[in-house]
Amino acid sequence: QAFKEQKQLLRDLGLILSRTGILKMGLGYGMQPEILNKTHAAWLASDAQNPLHEEAVDQLQQDELIKVLSIVDAELQDNEANADYLKEMPLDELRGYVKETALPYFTLANAMRDGGMNIDTNPKAFIETICGPEKLTKFFMENLKIRTLPNVDEEDHEFVEQLKKDLQTIVAKATTEELKPLCEAMTGSEYLSPHAPDLIFNITGETEKSDALVHAHTCARAIDINASAYKTIPETERFNLLKSFMLSTDLKFDAA
């Protein structure tokens, strides 16, 4: 019963990971990289038409079982002492050990495949597809586009250029933790995906909510910055106030 419950949990997790990968939503690095590395190895070694499952493990012999273990534990191949120990282990005990230590990664990988996610043969790329770029701030800056919309007064050119610099500075100096609310407002997830389109800051003469300094659009992966509202703030207070709004967990956003 416990094994069936674990299998269902792993399948649910695999389908979730697959879905977030397809939707290009980075999950961050809360999950241990070792888990994803082993899942990636299991995926590459899996047969989509004949996936490894509990009943299949019961049909494997000693050498085949050790081979399965070595897929998710590369060090086993170079450790003769451990390999010899496994060769001497009773067959039923070894099968149980494989089910406990290796099969979960195959179950997770099979569920991700069933969810429709494409696999990258490079383990680092695989992890980044799920977790997002390792250096979040750097990636954000490289993919950030700041646009000035036509409804901004042309006479405010110098003011707008300073606003652009302020926005770039806020992102460039932000930590990963500080950027998470902004990422969530723009993408629906606290991290970014390396496969996602550009991140857009729109400097506009007005936002949908006229009293809002900033307003996010999750589907468009965009933030509107109300230049008219920003201009009414005393110059000495503008930057700090804008920063507090841009990196706030209360940043207002719509799903479109």
C-alpha atoms as a PDB file:
ATOM      1  CA  GLN A   1       0.000   0.000   0.000  1.00  0.00           C
ATOM      2  CA  ALA A   2       2.807   2.403   0.909  1.00  0.00           C
ATOM      3  CA  PHE A   3       4.539   1.674  -2.402  1.00  0.00           C
ATOM      4  CA  LYS A   4       1.340   2.394  -4.354  1.00  0.00           C
ATOM      5  CA  GLU A   5       0.894   5.698  -2.534  1.00  0.00           C
ATOM      6  CA  GLN A   6       4.501   6.661  -3.239  1.00  0.00           C
ATOM      7  CA  LYS A   7       4.091   5.717  -6.898  1.00  0.00           C
ATOM      8  CA  GLN A   8       1.005   7.915  -7.215  1.00  0.00           C
ATOM      9  CA  LEU A   9       2.759  10.843  -5.541  1.00  0.00           C
ATOM     10  CA  LEU A  10       5.724  10.465  -7.883  1.00  0.00           C
ATOM     11  CA  ARG A  11       3.450  10.320 -10.909  1.00  0.00           C
ATOM     12  CA  ASP A  12       1.606  13.432  -9.756  1.00  0.00           C
ATOM     13  CA  LEU A  13       4.914  15.235  -9.233  1.00  0.00           C
ATOM     14  CA  GLY A  14       6.184  14.136 -12.636  1.00  0.00           C
ATOM     15  CA  LEU A  15       3.066  15.394 -14.383  1.00  0.00           C
ATOM     16  CA  ILE A  16       3.340  18.732 -12.556  1.00  0.00           C
ATOM     17  CA  LEU A  17       7.014  19.121 -13.494  1.00  0.00           C
ATOM     18  CA  SER A  18       6.196  18.227 -17.082  1.00  0.00           C
ATOM     19  CA  ARG A  19       3.383  20.755 -17.226  1.00  0.00           C
ATOM     20  CA  THR A  20       5.457  23.590 -15.785  1.00  0.00           C
ATOM     21  CA  GLY A  21       8.221  22.791 -18.262  1.00  0.00           C
ATOM     22  CA  ILE A  22       5.759  22.944 -21.152  1.00  0.00           C
ATOM     23  CA  LEU A  23       4.307  26.220 -19.846  1.00  0.00           C
ATOM     24  CA  LYS A  24       7.842  27.600 -19.481  1.00  0.00           C
ATOM     25  CA  MET A  25       7.525  28.352 -15.775  1.00  0.00           C
ATOM     26  CA  GLY A  26      10.733  27.982 -13.771  1.00  0.00           C
ATOM     27  CA  LEU A  27      10.228  26.507 -10.308  1.00  0.00           C
ATOM     28  CA  GLY A  28      13.479  27.621  -8.690  1.00  0.00           C
ATOM     29  CA  TYR A  29      16.021  25.508  -6.865  1.00  0.00           C
ATOM     30  CA  GLY A  30      14.066  24.234  -3.871  1.00  0.00           C
ATOM     31  CA  MET A  31      14.355  20.681  -5.200  1.00  0.00           C
ATOM     32  CA  GLN A  32      17.726  18.992  -4.708  1.00  0.00           C
ATOM     33  CA  PRO A  33      19.699  18.883  -8.005  1.00  0.00           C
ATOM     34  CA  GLU A  34      20.650  15.267  -7.264  1.00  0.00           C
ATOM     35  CA  ILE A  35      16.996  14.237  -7.638  1.00  0.00           C
ATOM     36  CA  LEU A  36      16.747  15.857 -11.050  1.00  0.00           C
ATOM     37  CA  ASN A  37      20.126  14.492 -12.165  1.00  0.00           C
ATOM     38  CA  LYS A  38      19.042  10.948 -11.327  1.00  0.00           C
ATOM     39  CA  THR A  39      15.642  11.476 -12.931  1.00  0.00           C
ATOM     40  CA  HIS A  40      17.359  12.732 -16.081  1.00  0.00           C
ATOM     41  CA  ALA A  41      19.596   9.647 -16.165  1.00  0.00           C
ATOM     42  CA  ALA A  42      16.562   7.404 -15.698  1.00  0.00           C
ATOM     43  CA  TRP A  43      14.739   9.212 -18.502  1.00  0.00           C
ATOM     44  CA  LEU A  44      17.608   8.761 -20.962  1.00  0.00           C
ATOM     45  CA  ALA A  45      17.848   5.069 -20.091  1.00  0.00           C
ATOM     46  CA  SER A  46      14.101   4.432 -20.202  1.00  0.00           C
ATOM     47  CA  ASP A  47      12.199   2.722 -22.963  1.00  0.00           C
ATOM     48  CA  ALA A  48       9.074   4.761 -23.642  1.00  0.00           C
ATOM     49  CA  GLN A  49       7.304   1.691 -25.032  1.00  0.00           C
ATOM     50  CA  ASN A  50       8.336  -0.539 -22.146  1.00  0.00           C
ATOM     51  CA  PRO A  51       8.877   1.627 -19.027  1.00  0.00           C
ATOM     52  CA  LEU A  52      10.404   0.171 -15.897  1.00  0.00           C
ATOM     53  CA  HIS A  53       7.824  -0.572 -13.206  1.00  0.00           C
ATOM     54  CA  GLU A  54       7.445  -2.760 -10.128  1.00  0.00           C
ATOM     55  CA  GLU A  55       6.368  -5.884 -12.007  1.00  0.00           C
ATOM     56  CA  ALA A  56       9.247  -5.504 -14.468  1.00  0.00           C
ATOM     57  CA  VAL A  57      11.763  -5.272 -11.615  1.00  0.00           C
ATOM     58  CA  ASP A  58      10.464  -8.606 -10.309  1.00  0.00           C
ATOM     59  CA  GLN A  59      11.551 -10.216 -13.585  1.00  0.00           C
ATOM     60  CA  LEU A  60      15.100  -8.831 -13.589  1.00  0.00           C
ATOM     61  CA  GLN A  61      18.116 -10.893 -12.615  1.00  0.00           C
ATOM     62  CA  GLN A  62      21.172  -9.903 -10.566  1.00  0.00           C
ATOM     63  CA  ASP A  63      23.240  -8.280 -13.325  1.00  0.00           C
ATOM     64  CA  GLU A  64      20.215  -6.468 -14.758  1.00  0.00           C
ATOM     65  CA  LEU A  65      19.272  -5.112 -11.348  1.00  0.00           C
ATOM     66  CA  ILE A  66      22.790  -3.844 -10.741  1.00  0.00           C
ATOM     67  CA  LYS A  67      22.705  -2.165 -14.150  1.00  0.00           C
ATOM     68  CA  VAL A  68      19.491  -0.343 -13.178  1.00  0.00           C
ATOM     69  CA  LEU A  69      21.124   0.832  -9.952  1.00  0.00           C
ATOM     70  CA  SER A  70      24.197   2.061 -11.814  1.00  0.00           C
ATOM     71  CA  ILE A  71      22.022   4.253 -14.052  1.00  0.00           C
ATOM     72  CA  VAL A  72      20.924   6.442 -11.148  1.00  0.00           C
ATOM     73  CA  ASP A  73      24.156   5.987  -9.182  1.00  0.00           C
ATOM     74  CA  ALA A  74      27.065   6.543 -11.554  1.00  0.00           C
ATOM     75  CA  GLU A  75      29.596   6.089  -8.745  1.00  0.00           C
ATOM     76  CA  LEU A  76      28.512   2.479  -8.400  1.00  0.00           C
ATOM     77  CA  GLN A  77      30.254   1.667 -11.667  1.00  0.00           C
ATOM     78  CA  ASP A  78      33.587   2.751 -10.204  1.00  0.00           C
ATOM     79  CA  ASN A  79      33.105   1.182  -6.787  1.00  0.00           C
ATOM     80  CA  GLU A  80      34.028  -2.492  -7.019  1.00  0.00           C
ATOM     81  CA  ALA A  81      33.386  -3.127  -3.334  1.00  0.00           C
ATOM     82  CA  ASN A  82      29.768  -1.973  -3.568  1.00  0.00           C
ATOM     83  CA  ALA A  83      29.276  -3.829  -6.847  1.00  0.00           C
ATOM     84  CA  ASP A  84      30.598  -7.042  -5.317  1.00  0.00           C
ATOM     85  CA  TYR A  85      28.325  -6.573  -2.302  1.00  0.00           C
ATOM     86  CA  LEU A  86      25.288  -6.233  -4.568  1.00  0.00           C
ATOM     87  CA  LYS A  87      26.284  -9.348  -6.501  1.00  0.00           C
ATOM     88  CA  GLU A  88      26.227 -11.339  -3.274  1.00  0.00           C
ATOM     89  CA  MET A  89      22.895  -9.929  -2.109  1.00  0.00           C
ATOM     90  CA  PRO A  90      19.932 -12.349  -2.214  1.00  0.00           C
ATOM     91  CA  LEU A  91      17.896 -11.774  -5.378  1.00  0.00           C
ATOM     92  CA  ASP A  92      14.624 -10.850  -3.644  1.00  0.00           C
ATOM     93  CA  GLU A  93      16.471  -8.456  -1.350  1.00  0.00           C
ATOM     94  CA  LEU A  94      18.220  -6.823  -4.306  1.00  0.00           C
ATOM     95  CA  ARG A  95      14.924  -6.402  -6.131  1.00  0.00           C
ATOM     96  CA  GLY A  96      13.484  -4.708  -3.068  1.00  0.00           C
ATOM     97  CA  TYR A  97      16.533  -2.451  -2.879  1.00  0.00           C
ATOM     98  CA  VAL A  98      16.093  -1.448  -6.536  1.00  0.00           C
ATOM     99  CA  LYS A  99      12.417  -0.661  -5.962  1.00  0.00           C
ATOM    100  CA  GLU A 100      13.311   1.497  -2.988  1.00  0.00           C
ATOM    101  CA  THR A 101      16.331   3.385  -4.327  1.00  0.00           C
ATOM    102  CA  ALA A 102      16.184   3.420  -8.145  1.00  0.00           C
ATOM    103  CA  LEU A 103      12.632   2.786  -9.296  1.00  0.00           C
ATOM    104  CA  PRO A 104      11.268   6.115  -7.926  1.00  0.00           C
ATOM    105  CA  TYR A 105      13.441   8.028 -10.423  1.00  0.00           C
ATOM    106  CA  PHE A 106      12.163   5.913 -13.308  1.00  0.00           C
ATOM    107  CA  THR A 107       8.576   6.430 -12.124  1.00  0.00           C
ATOM    108  CA  LEU A 108       9.138  10.191 -12.001  1.00  0.00           C
ATOM    109  CA  ALA A 109      10.795  10.212 -15.432  1.00  0.00           C
ATOM    110  CA  ASN A 110       8.020   8.113 -16.979  1.00  0.00           C
ATOM    111  CA  ALA A 111       5.370  10.487 -15.622  1.00  0.00           C
ATOM    112  CA  MET A 112       7.208  13.502 -17.030  1.00  0.00           C
ATOM    113  CA  ARG A 113       7.354  11.807 -20.414  1.00  0.00           C
ATOM    114  CA  ASP A 114       3.659  10.939 -20.206  1.00  0.00           C
ATOM    115  CA  GLY A 115       2.985  14.611 -19.482  1.00  0.00           C
ATOM    116  CA  GLY A 116       4.392  15.516 -22.886  1.00  0.00           C
ATOM    117  CA  MET A 117       7.597  17.259 -21.852  1.00  0.00           C
ATOM    118  CA  ASN A 118      10.500  17.098 -24.304  1.00  0.00           C
ATOM    119  CA  ILE A 119      13.817  15.934 -22.916  1.00  0.00           C
ATOM    120  CA  ASP A 120      17.167  17.611 -23.394  1.00  0.00           C
ATOM    121  CA  THR A 121      20.076  15.186 -23.434  1.00  0.00           C
ATOM    122  CA  ASN A 122      22.179  17.704 -21.515  1.00  0.00           C
ATOM    123  CA  PRO A 123      21.502  17.331 -17.755  1.00  0.00           C
ATOM    124  CA  LYS A 124      22.179  21.018 -17.025  1.00  0.00           C
ATOM    125  CA  ALA A 125      19.698  22.094 -19.706  1.00  0.00           C
ATOM    126  CA  PHE A 126      17.165  19.593 -18.345  1.00  0.00           C
ATOM    127  CA  ILE A 127      17.473  21.038 -14.842  1.00  0.00           C
ATOM    128  CA  GLU A 128      17.221  24.625 -16.104  1.00  0.00           C
ATOM    129  CA  THR A 129      14.064  23.765 -18.064  1.00  0.00           C
ATOM    130  CA  ILE A 130      12.437  22.794 -14.774  1.00  0.00           C
ATOM    131  CA  CYS A 131      14.149  25.072 -12.268  1.00  0.00           C
ATOM    132  CA  GLY A 132      15.035  28.065 -14.397  1.00  0.00           C
ATOM    133  CA  PRO A 133      18.357  29.811 -15.029  1.00  0.00           C
ATOM    134  CA  GLU A 134      20.899  29.359 -12.274  1.00  0.00           C
ATOM    135  CA  LYS A 135      21.727  33.096 -12.259  1.00  0.00           C
ATOM    136  CA  LEU A 136      18.281  34.669 -12.148  1.00  0.00           C
ATOM    137  CA  THR A 137      19.291  38.349 -12.049  1.00  0.00           C
ATOM    138  CA  LYS A 138      21.717  37.969 -14.958  1.00  0.00           C
ATOM    139  CA  PHE A 139      19.105  36.154 -17.053  1.00  0.00           C
ATOM    140  CA  PHE A 140      16.450  38.764 -16.238  1.00  0.00           C
ATOM    141  CA  MET A 141      18.722  41.588 -17.362  1.00  0.00           C
ATOM    142  CA  GLU A 142      19.692  39.795 -20.576  1.00  0.00           C
ATOM    143  CA  ASN A 143      16.043  39.275 -21.544  1.00  0.00           C
ATOM    144  CA  LEU A 144      14.564  42.558 -20.328  1.00  0.00           C
ATOM    145  CA  LYS A 145      13.073  44.906 -22.901  1.00  0.00           C
ATOM    146  CA  ILE A 146      11.997  48.412 -21.848  1.00  0.00           C
ATOM    147  CA  ARG A 147       9.558  50.081 -24.223  1.00  0.00           C
ATOM    148  CA  THR A 148       8.071  53.561 -24.273  1.00  0.00           C
ATOM    149  CA  LEU A 149       4.447  53.529 -25.412  1.00  0.00           C
ATOM    150  CA  PRO A 150       3.025  56.221 -27.743  1.00  0.00           C
ATOM    151  CA  ASN A 151       0.813  57.697 -25.012  1.00  0.00           C
ATOM    152  CA  VAL A 152       3.848  59.097 -23.172  1.00  0.00           C
ATOM    153  CA  ASP A 153       4.333  62.846 -23.681  1.00  0.00           C
ATOM    154  CA  GLU A 154       7.247  63.458 -26.080  1.00  0.00           C
ATOM    155  CA  GLU A 155       8.349  66.404 -23.942  1.00  0.00           C
ATOM    156  CA  ASP A 156       9.140  63.942 -21.147  1.00  0.00           C
ATOM    157  CA  HIS A 157      11.996  62.298 -23.083  1.00  0.00           C
ATOM    158  CA  GLU A 158      14.712  63.143 -20.539  1.00  0.00           C
ATOM    159  CA  PHE A 159      12.481  62.076 -17.660  1.00  0.00           C
ATOM    160  CA  VAL A 160      11.662  58.776 -19.395  1.00  0.00           C
ATOM    161  CA  GLU A 161      15.331  58.024 -20.064  1.00  0.00           C
ATOM    162  CA  GLN A 162      16.048  58.420 -16.345  1.00  0.00           C
ATOM    163  CA  LEU A 163      13.103  56.165 -15.546  1.00  0.00           C
ATOM    164  CA  LYS A 164      14.574  53.489 -17.842  1.00  0.00           C
ATOM    165  CA  LYS A 165      17.905  53.731 -16.037  1.00  0.00           C
ATOM    166  CA  ASP A 166      16.145  53.454 -12.679  1.00  0.00           C
ATOM    167  CA  LEU A 167      14.326  50.302 -13.794  1.00  0.00           C
ATOM    168  CA  GLN A 168      17.530  48.710 -15.071  1.00  0.00           C
ATOM    169  CA  THR A 169      19.309  49.541 -11.819  1.00  0.00           C
ATOM    170  CA  ILE A 170      16.518  48.040  -9.711  1.00  0.00           C
ATOM    171  CA  VAL A 171      16.710  44.722 -11.573  1.00  0.00           C
ATOM    172  CA  ALA A 172      20.497  44.624 -11.899  1.00  0.00           C
ATOM    173  CA  LYS A 173      21.055  45.102  -8.160  1.00  0.00           C
ATOM    174  CA  ALA A 174      18.216  42.852  -6.987  1.00  0.00           C
ATOM    175  CA  THR A 175      18.920  39.519  -5.328  1.00  0.00           C
ATOM    176  CA  THR A 176      17.196  36.313  -6.388  1.00  0.00           C
ATOM    177  CA  GLU A 177      14.842  36.541  -3.417  1.00  0.00           C
ATOM    178  CA  GLU A 178      13.979  40.158  -4.238  1.00  0.00           C
ATOM    179  CA  LEU A 179      13.173  39.268  -7.852  1.00  0.00           C
ATOM    180  CA  LYS A 180      10.810  36.399  -7.018  1.00  0.00           C
ATOM    181  CA  PRO A 181       7.675  38.569  -6.493  1.00  0.00           C
ATOM    182  CA  LEU A 182       8.383  40.411  -9.739  1.00  0.00           C
ATOM    183  CA  CYS A 183       8.865  37.128 -11.622  1.00  0.00           C
ATOM    184  CA  GLU A 184       5.627  35.781 -10.174  1.00  0.00           C
ATOM    185  CA  ALA A 185       3.698  38.893 -11.189  1.00  0.00           C
ATOM    186  CA  MET A 186       5.059  38.669 -14.735  1.00  0.00           C
ATOM    187  CA  THR A 187       4.966  34.902 -15.312  1.00  0.00           C
ATOM    188  CA  GLY A 188       2.874  33.287 -12.568  1.00  0.00           C
ATOM    189  CA  SER A 189       5.967  31.584 -11.147  1.00  0.00           C
ATOM    190  CA  GLU A 190       8.689  32.774  -8.768  1.00  0.00           C
ATOM    191  CA  TYR A 191      11.407  31.880 -11.254  1.00  0.00           C
ATOM    192  CA  LEU A 192      11.900  32.293 -15.004  1.00  0.00           C
ATOM    193  CA  SER A 193      12.288  29.761 -17.784  1.00  0.00           C
ATOM    194  CA  PRO A 194      15.295  29.783 -20.128  1.00  0.00           C
ATOM    195  CA  HIS A 195      12.846  29.043 -22.950  1.00  0.00           C
ATOM    196  CA  ALA A 196      10.513  31.951 -22.180  1.00  0.00           C
ATOM    197  CA  PRO A 197       9.998  35.010 -24.395  1.00  0.00           C
ATOM    198  CA  ASP A 198      11.275  38.459 -23.530  1.00  0.00           C
ATOM    199  CA  LEU A 199      10.340  40.169 -20.280  1.00  0.00           C
ATOM    200  CA  ILE A 200       8.818  43.566 -20.978  1.00  0.00           C
ATOM    201  CA  PHE A 201       8.599  46.802 -19.012  1.00  0.00           C
ATOM    202  CA  ASN A 202       6.188  49.234 -20.677  1.00  0.00           C
ATOM    203  CA  ILE A 203       6.582  52.888 -19.777  1.00  0.00           C
ATOM    204  CA  THR A 204       3.102  54.255 -20.350  1.00  0.00           C
ATOM    205  CA  GLY A 205       1.238  57.510 -19.898  1.00  0.00           C
ATOM    206  CA  GLU A 206      -1.419  55.668 -17.913  1.00  0.00           C
ATOM    207  CA  THR A 207      -2.125  52.177 -16.584  1.00  0.00           C
ATOM    208  CA  GLU A 208      -5.405  50.262 -16.601  1.00  0.00           C
ATOM    209  CA  LYS A 209      -5.814  51.353 -13.012  1.00  0.00           C
ATOM    210  CA  SER A 210      -5.061  55.056 -13.226  1.00  0.00           C
ATOM    211  CA  ASP A 211      -3.903  55.301  -9.620  1.00  0.00           C
ATOM    212  CA  ALA A 212      -1.424  52.403  -9.931  1.00  0.00           C
ATOM    213  CA  LEU A 213       2.269  53.182 -10.320  1.00  0.00           C
ATOM    214  CA  VAL A 214       2.953  49.692 -11.676  1.00  0.00           C
ATOM    215  CA  HIS A 215       0.620  47.070 -13.108  1.00  0.00           C
ATOM    216  CA  ALA A 216       1.522  43.563 -14.285  1.00  0.00           C
ATOM    217  CA  HIS A 217       0.133  41.346 -17.045  1.00  0.00           C
ATOM    218  CA  THR A 218       1.046  37.714 -16.430  1.00  0.00           C
ATOM    219  CA  CYS A 219       0.098  36.288 -19.836  1.00  0.00           C
ATOM    220  CA  ALA A 220       1.925  39.079 -21.645  1.00  0.00           C
ATOM    221  CA  ARG A 221       4.945  38.753 -19.323  1.00  0.00           C
ATOM    222  CA  ALA A 222       4.860  42.515 -18.971  1.00  0.00           C
ATOM    223  CA  ILE A 223       4.824  45.279 -16.375  1.00  0.00           C
ATOM    224  CA  ASP A 224       3.301  48.688 -17.063  1.00  0.00           C
ATOM    225  CA  ILE A 225       4.982  51.611 -15.319  1.00  0.00           C
ATOM    226  CA  ASN A 226       2.836  54.715 -15.077  1.00  0.00           C
ATOM    227  CA  ALA A 227       5.141  57.578 -16.054  1.00  0.00           C
ATOM    228  CA  SER A 228       2.506  60.187 -15.228  1.00  0.00           C
ATOM    229  CA  ALA A 229       2.099  58.861 -11.690  1.00  0.00           C
ATOM    230  CA  TYR A 230       5.874  58.513 -11.279  1.00  0.00           C
ATOM    231  CA  LYS A 231       6.390  62.145 -12.256  1.00  0.00           C
ATOM    232  CA  THR A 232       4.148  63.367  -9.430  1.00  0.00           C
ATOM    233  CA  ILE A 233       6.460  61.805  -6.812  1.00  0.00           C
ATOM    234  CA  PRO A 234       9.110  64.143  -5.359  1.00  0.00           C
ATOM    235  CA  GLU A 235      12.342  63.530  -7.268  1.00  0.00           C
ATOM    236  CA  THR A 236      14.320  62.579  -4.154  1.00  0.00           C
ATOM    237  CA  GLU A 237      11.811  59.844  -3.319  1.00  0.00           C
ATOM    238  CA  ARG A 238      11.153  58.415  -6.778  1.00  0.00           C
ATOM    239  CA  PHE A 239      13.774  55.679  -7.013  1.00  0.00           C
ATOM    240  CA  ASN A 240      13.202  54.137  -3.589  1.00  0.00           C
ATOM    241  CA  LEU A 241       9.437  54.227  -4.018  1.00  0.00           C
ATOM    242  CA  LEU A 242       9.636  52.648  -7.470  1.00  0.00           C
ATOM    243  CA  LYS A 243      11.950  49.949  -6.145  1.00  0.00           C
ATOM    244  CA  SER A 244       9.590  49.138  -3.285  1.00  0.00           C
ATOM    245  CA  PHE A 245       6.693  48.806  -5.740  1.00  0.00           C
ATOM    246  CA  MET A 246       8.589  46.749  -8.336  1.00  0.00           C
ATOM    247  CA  LEU A 247       9.926  44.259  -5.792  1.00  0.00           C
ATOM    248  CA  SER A 248       6.833  44.165  -3.605  1.00  0.00           C
ATOM    249  CA  THR A 249       4.973  40.949  -2.829  1.00  0.00           C
ATOM    250  CA  ASP A 250       1.802  43.041  -3.186  1.00  0.00           C
ATOM    251  CA  LEU A 251       2.512  43.980  -6.796  1.00  0.00           C
ATOM    252  CA  LYS A 252      -0.843  44.213  -8.547  1.00  0.00           C
ATOM    253  CA  PHE A 253      -1.290  41.964 -11.548  1.00  0.00           C
ATOM    254  CA  ASP A 254      -3.914  40.586 -13.900  1.00  0.00           C
ATOM    255  CA  ALA A 255      -4.030  37.227 -15.624  1.00  0.00           C
ATOM    256  CA  ALA A 256      -3.990  38.865 -19.014  1.00  0.00           C
END
